[in-house]
Structures are given as structure tokens and as C-alpha cells.
Amino acid sequence: MEAIKETREERKARIKEAEETQYELDMEQINDLELTHGDSNIAVVRVPYTEGLPVCIAVRTPKPNEIKRWRAMYKGKSTEADTQALEDLARVCCVYPDKNTLLQVLEARPAMLINMADAAVSLSTSSRALEGKG
């Protein structure tokens, strides 16, 4: 049992180190995006570590026409149309990683688009509105 514990701890340490290295690489790219778009216009969504893939996704603030389209599609009833509206918004607002890498992330983490859409929508409203006070 001791050998299993030791092997497991070593594996976890290697994974943690690889995740930290990937995080640094992701944040270099995201820092440039924050400089380009403005810090308050970029949200970072953490992704559980998968070898060879980013551990961060960056989305930008949706443009007014993108929010208008999302609102027209999204009814807040957990329907297929609502899911599609969220996924469409997430894809259009994703600024990191590139589209091909994002597809690989979504293979590993299929529901990540929902987290991305939530982050993008949060960028487009005030904290008062998010708290129900706006």
C-alpha cells in the first residue's frame, strides 16, 4: 500500500507541476489580451488540467449585437434553444485559445461553453445587476 501511495503522490506532483507551467503560458497570452481589450473586458475561466491543453480560457465582453442576439434566443427555461444560445455566445466571445485548441478543450470538457458564456454575460453587466439590485 505504501508503494501505491508514493507512486500516486509522485504522479500528482508531476501533474501539478505541468498544470502550473501551462497556467503560466496561458496567462502570458491572456495578459496581452487584457492589454488589448482592457482588464475589465476579459474574463478567465479555469479548466481542469488535461495534458497538452490550456488550463485557462479567456472570453471578452460581448458586443451589443451579440447580446441582443443572445437575448432573442435565450428564454431562461433550460431548453435546447437556451443551451444553444449560451454556446453560441461563448464561441463568439472566446479570445483564447484559438478555435482548434478550443475544440480540443471541449472534447475533454464538453460543458465548458456554459461556464464561458456565464463569464461573458457577467462582463456585460454591472455587479448591481448581477446581484439583482440593478
C-alpha atoms as a PDB file:
ATOM      1  CA  MET A   1       0.000   0.000   0.000  1.00  0.00           C
ATOM      2  CA  GLU A   2       2.890   2.340   0.770  1.00  0.00           C
ATOM      3  CA  ALA A   3       4.274   1.916  -2.755  1.00  0.00           C
ATOM      4  CA  ILE A   4       0.891   2.842  -4.246  1.00  0.00           C
ATOM      5  CA  LYS A   5       0.699   5.961  -2.086  1.00  0.00           C
ATOM      6  CA  GLU A   6       4.198   7.006  -3.093  1.00  0.00           C
ATOM      7  CA  THR A   7       3.551   6.403  -6.805  1.00  0.00           C
ATOM      8  CA  ARG A   8       0.279   8.307  -6.594  1.00  0.00           C
ATOM      9  CA  GLU A   9       1.880  11.266  -4.824  1.00  0.00           C
ATOM     10  CA  GLU A  10       4.662  11.413  -7.429  1.00  0.00           C
ATOM     11  CA  ARG A  11       2.118  11.361 -10.260  1.00  0.00           C
ATOM     12  CA  LYS A  12       0.045  14.092  -8.618  1.00  0.00           C
ATOM     13  CA  ALA A  13       3.193  16.219  -8.131  1.00  0.00           C
ATOM     14  CA  ARG A  14       4.114  15.842 -11.831  1.00  0.00           C
ATOM     15  CA  ILE A  15       0.573  16.793 -12.857  1.00  0.00           C
ATOM     16  CA  LYS A  16       0.574  19.810 -10.562  1.00  0.00           C
ATOM     17  CA  GLU A  17       3.900  21.000 -11.977  1.00  0.00           C
ATOM     18  CA  ALA A  18       2.666  20.551 -15.562  1.00  0.00           C
ATOM     19  CA  GLU A  19      -0.553  22.418 -14.712  1.00  0.00           C
ATOM     20  CA  GLU A  20       1.401  25.324 -13.203  1.00  0.00           C
ATOM     21  CA  THR A  21       3.630  25.510 -16.287  1.00  0.00           C
ATOM     22  CA  GLN A  22       0.568  25.558 -18.568  1.00  0.00           C
ATOM     23  CA  TYR A  23      -1.064  28.214 -16.384  1.00  0.00           C
ATOM     24  CA  GLU A  24       1.980  30.461 -16.812  1.00  0.00           C
ATOM     25  CA  LEU A  25       1.860  30.001 -20.597  1.00  0.00           C
ATOM     26  CA  ASP A  26      -1.869  30.745 -20.675  1.00  0.00           C
ATOM     27  CA  MET A  27      -1.513  33.836 -18.519  1.00  0.00           C
ATOM     28  CA  GLU A  28       1.190  35.264 -20.804  1.00  0.00           C
ATOM     29  CA  GLN A  29      -1.303  35.160 -23.666  1.00  0.00           C
ATOM     30  CA  ILE A  30      -4.189  36.412 -21.540  1.00  0.00           C
ATOM     31  CA  ASN A  31      -2.113  39.308 -20.222  1.00  0.00           C
ATOM     32  CA  ASP A  32      -1.641  40.505 -23.816  1.00  0.00           C
ATOM     33  CA  LEU A  33      -5.396  40.221 -24.404  1.00  0.00           C
ATOM     34  CA  GLU A  34      -6.087  42.260 -21.258  1.00  0.00           C
ATOM     35  CA  LEU A  35      -3.742  44.951 -22.521  1.00  0.00           C
ATOM     36  CA  THR A  36      -5.521  44.961 -25.884  1.00  0.00           C
ATOM     37  CA  HIS A  37      -9.144  44.763 -24.702  1.00  0.00           C
ATOM     38  CA  GLY A  38      -8.824  46.233 -21.195  1.00  0.00           C
ATOM     39  CA  ASP A  39      -8.669  44.326 -17.924  1.00  0.00           C
ATOM     40  CA  SER A  40     -12.380  44.727 -17.229  1.00  0.00           C
ATOM     41  CA  ASN A  41     -13.265  43.321 -20.661  1.00  0.00           C
ATOM     42  CA  ILE A  42     -11.615  39.920 -20.273  1.00  0.00           C
ATOM     43  CA  ALA A  43     -12.746  37.100 -18.008  1.00  0.00           C
ATOM     44  CA  VAL A  44     -10.699  33.989 -17.337  1.00  0.00           C
ATOM     45  CA  VAL A  45     -12.364  30.614 -16.912  1.00  0.00           C
ATOM     46  CA  ARG A  46     -10.235  27.908 -15.296  1.00  0.00           C
ATOM     47  CA  VAL A  47     -10.265  24.493 -16.901  1.00  0.00           C
ATOM     48  CA  PRO A  48      -9.317  21.281 -15.096  1.00  0.00           C
ATOM     49  CA  TYR A  49      -5.904  20.102 -16.265  1.00  0.00           C
ATOM     50  CA  THR A  50      -5.713  17.868 -19.324  1.00  0.00           C
ATOM     51  CA  GLU A  51      -2.264  17.154 -20.721  1.00  0.00           C
ATOM     52  CA  GLY A  52      -1.420  19.349 -23.698  1.00  0.00           C
ATOM     53  CA  LEU A  53      -4.388  21.695 -23.299  1.00  0.00           C
ATOM     54  CA  PRO A  54      -4.817  25.145 -21.749  1.00  0.00           C
ATOM     55  CA  VAL A  55      -5.964  25.417 -18.157  1.00  0.00           C
ATOM     56  CA  CYS A  56      -7.448  28.872 -18.808  1.00  0.00           C
ATOM     57  CA  ILE A  57      -9.930  30.144 -21.350  1.00  0.00           C
ATOM     58  CA  ALA A  58     -10.415  33.864 -21.923  1.00  0.00           C
ATOM     59  CA  VAL A  59     -13.638  35.474 -23.084  1.00  0.00           C
ATOM     60  CA  ARG A  60     -14.235  39.102 -23.941  1.00  0.00           C
ATOM     61  CA  THR A  61     -17.179  41.343 -23.261  1.00  0.00           C
ATOM     62  CA  PRO A  62     -19.901  40.625 -25.814  1.00  0.00           C
ATOM     63  CA  LYS A  63     -20.674  43.342 -28.337  1.00  0.00           C
ATOM     64  CA  PRO A  64     -24.154  44.910 -28.194  1.00  0.00           C
ATOM     65  CA  ASN A  65     -25.367  42.989 -31.262  1.00  0.00           C
ATOM     66  CA  GLU A  66     -24.103  39.721 -29.739  1.00  0.00           C
ATOM     67  CA  ILE A  67     -26.005  40.359 -26.509  1.00  0.00           C
ATOM     68  CA  LYS A  68     -29.102  41.321 -28.492  1.00  0.00           C
ATOM     69  CA  ARG A  69     -28.935  38.043 -30.436  1.00  0.00           C
ATOM     70  CA  TRP A  70     -28.378  36.061 -27.229  1.00  0.00           C
ATOM     71  CA  ARG A  71     -31.341  37.745 -25.509  1.00  0.00           C
ATOM     72  CA  ALA A  72     -33.564  36.998 -28.510  1.00  0.00           C
ATOM     73  CA  MET A  73     -32.669  33.297 -28.303  1.00  0.00           C
ATOM     74  CA  TYR A  74     -32.308  32.790 -24.543  1.00  0.00           C
ATOM     75  CA  LYS A  75     -35.557  32.352 -22.589  1.00  0.00           C
ATOM     76  CA  GLY A  76     -34.143  31.079 -19.283  1.00  0.00           C
ATOM     77  CA  LYS A  77     -36.108  27.831 -19.420  1.00  0.00           C
ATOM     78  CA  SER A  78     -33.235  25.349 -19.745  1.00  0.00           C
ATOM     79  CA  THR A  79     -34.326  24.348 -23.217  1.00  0.00           C
ATOM     80  CA  GLU A  80     -32.158  23.195 -26.103  1.00  0.00           C
ATOM     81  CA  ALA A  81     -32.522  26.694 -27.583  1.00  0.00           C
ATOM     82  CA  ASP A  82     -31.205  28.228 -24.343  1.00  0.00           C
ATOM     83  CA  THR A  83     -28.229  25.894 -24.362  1.00  0.00           C
ATOM     84  CA  GLN A  84     -27.525  26.718 -27.996  1.00  0.00           C
ATOM     85  CA  ALA A  85     -27.776  30.458 -27.281  1.00  0.00           C
ATOM     86  CA  LEU A  86     -25.232  30.152 -24.455  1.00  0.00           C
ATOM     87  CA  GLU A  87     -22.878  28.020 -26.529  1.00  0.00           C
ATOM     88  CA  ASP A  88     -23.071  30.430 -29.484  1.00  0.00           C
ATOM     89  CA  LEU A  89     -22.288  33.391 -27.236  1.00  0.00           C
ATOM     90  CA  ALA A  90     -19.363  31.556 -25.644  1.00  0.00           C
ATOM     91  CA  ARG A  91     -17.841  30.700 -29.002  1.00  0.00           C
ATOM     92  CA  VAL A  92     -18.108  34.214 -30.411  1.00  0.00           C
ATOM     93  CA  CYS A  93     -16.626  35.786 -27.247  1.00  0.00           C
ATOM     94  CA  CYS A  94     -13.730  33.353 -26.854  1.00  0.00           C
ATOM     95  CA  VAL A  95     -10.417  35.116 -27.447  1.00  0.00           C
ATOM     96  CA  TYR A  96      -8.126  32.423 -26.038  1.00  0.00           C
ATOM     97  CA  PRO A  97      -7.316  29.735 -27.010  1.00  0.00           C
ATOM     98  CA  ASP A  98      -7.626  29.580 -30.806  1.00  0.00           C
ATOM     99  CA  LYS A  99     -10.629  27.783 -32.295  1.00  0.00           C
ATOM    100  CA  ASN A 100      -8.862  24.482 -32.984  1.00  0.00           C
ATOM    101  CA  THR A 101      -7.492  24.294 -29.448  1.00  0.00           C
ATOM    102  CA  LEU A 102     -10.891  25.237 -28.044  1.00  0.00           C
ATOM    103  CA  LEU A 103     -12.401  22.284 -29.911  1.00  0.00           C
ATOM    104  CA  GLN A 104      -9.877  20.013 -28.197  1.00  0.00           C
ATOM    105  CA  VAL A 105     -10.723  21.531 -24.803  1.00  0.00           C
ATOM    106  CA  LEU A 106     -14.411  20.943 -25.475  1.00  0.00           C
ATOM    107  CA  GLU A 107     -13.710  17.303 -26.324  1.00  0.00           C
ATOM    108  CA  ALA A 108     -12.186  16.932 -22.855  1.00  0.00           C
ATOM    109  CA  ARG A 109     -14.645  19.247 -21.056  1.00  0.00           C
ATOM    110  CA  PRO A 110     -17.890  19.333 -23.097  1.00  0.00           C
ATOM    111  CA  ALA A 111     -19.880  21.655 -20.820  1.00  0.00           C
ATOM    112  CA  MET A 112     -17.164  24.316 -20.593  1.00  0.00           C
ATOM    113  CA  LEU A 113     -19.091  26.521 -23.051  1.00  0.00           C
ATOM    114  CA  ILE A 114     -21.702  27.186 -20.368  1.00  0.00           C
ATOM    115  CA  ASN A 115     -19.058  28.486 -17.949  1.00  0.00           C
ATOM    116  CA  MET A 116     -17.604  30.607 -20.737  1.00  0.00           C
ATOM    117  CA  ALA A 117     -20.996  32.107 -21.608  1.00  0.00           C
ATOM    118  CA  ASP A 118     -21.694  32.896 -17.955  1.00  0.00           C
ATOM    119  CA  ALA A 119     -18.356  34.710 -17.729  1.00  0.00           C
ATOM    120  CA  ALA A 120     -19.021  36.676 -20.927  1.00  0.00           C
ATOM    121  CA  VAL A 121     -22.500  37.728 -19.817  1.00  0.00           C
ATOM    122  CA  SER A 122     -21.088  38.792 -16.440  1.00  0.00           C
ATOM    123  CA  LEU A 123     -18.683  41.116 -18.231  1.00  0.00           C
ATOM    124  CA  SER A 124     -21.541  42.858 -19.994  1.00  0.00           C
ATOM    125  CA  THR A 125     -23.486  43.874 -16.895  1.00  0.00           C
ATOM    126  CA  SER A 126     -22.852  45.717 -13.656  1.00  0.00           C
ATOM    127  CA  SER A 127     -22.294  43.976 -10.365  1.00  0.00           C
ATOM    128  CA  ARG A 128     -25.518  45.628  -9.138  1.00  0.00           C
ATOM    129  CA  ALA A 129     -27.479  43.935 -11.903  1.00  0.00           C
ATOM    130  CA  LEU A 130     -25.806  40.603 -11.176  1.00  0.00           C
ATOM    131  CA  GLU A 131     -26.787  40.927  -7.520  1.00  0.00           C
ATOM    132  CA  GLY A 132     -30.378  41.671  -8.510  1.00  0.00           C
ATOM    133  CA  LYS A 133     -30.118  45.317  -7.433  1.00  0.00           C
ATOM    134  CA  GLY A 134     -29.786  46.891 -10.879  1.00  0.00           C
END
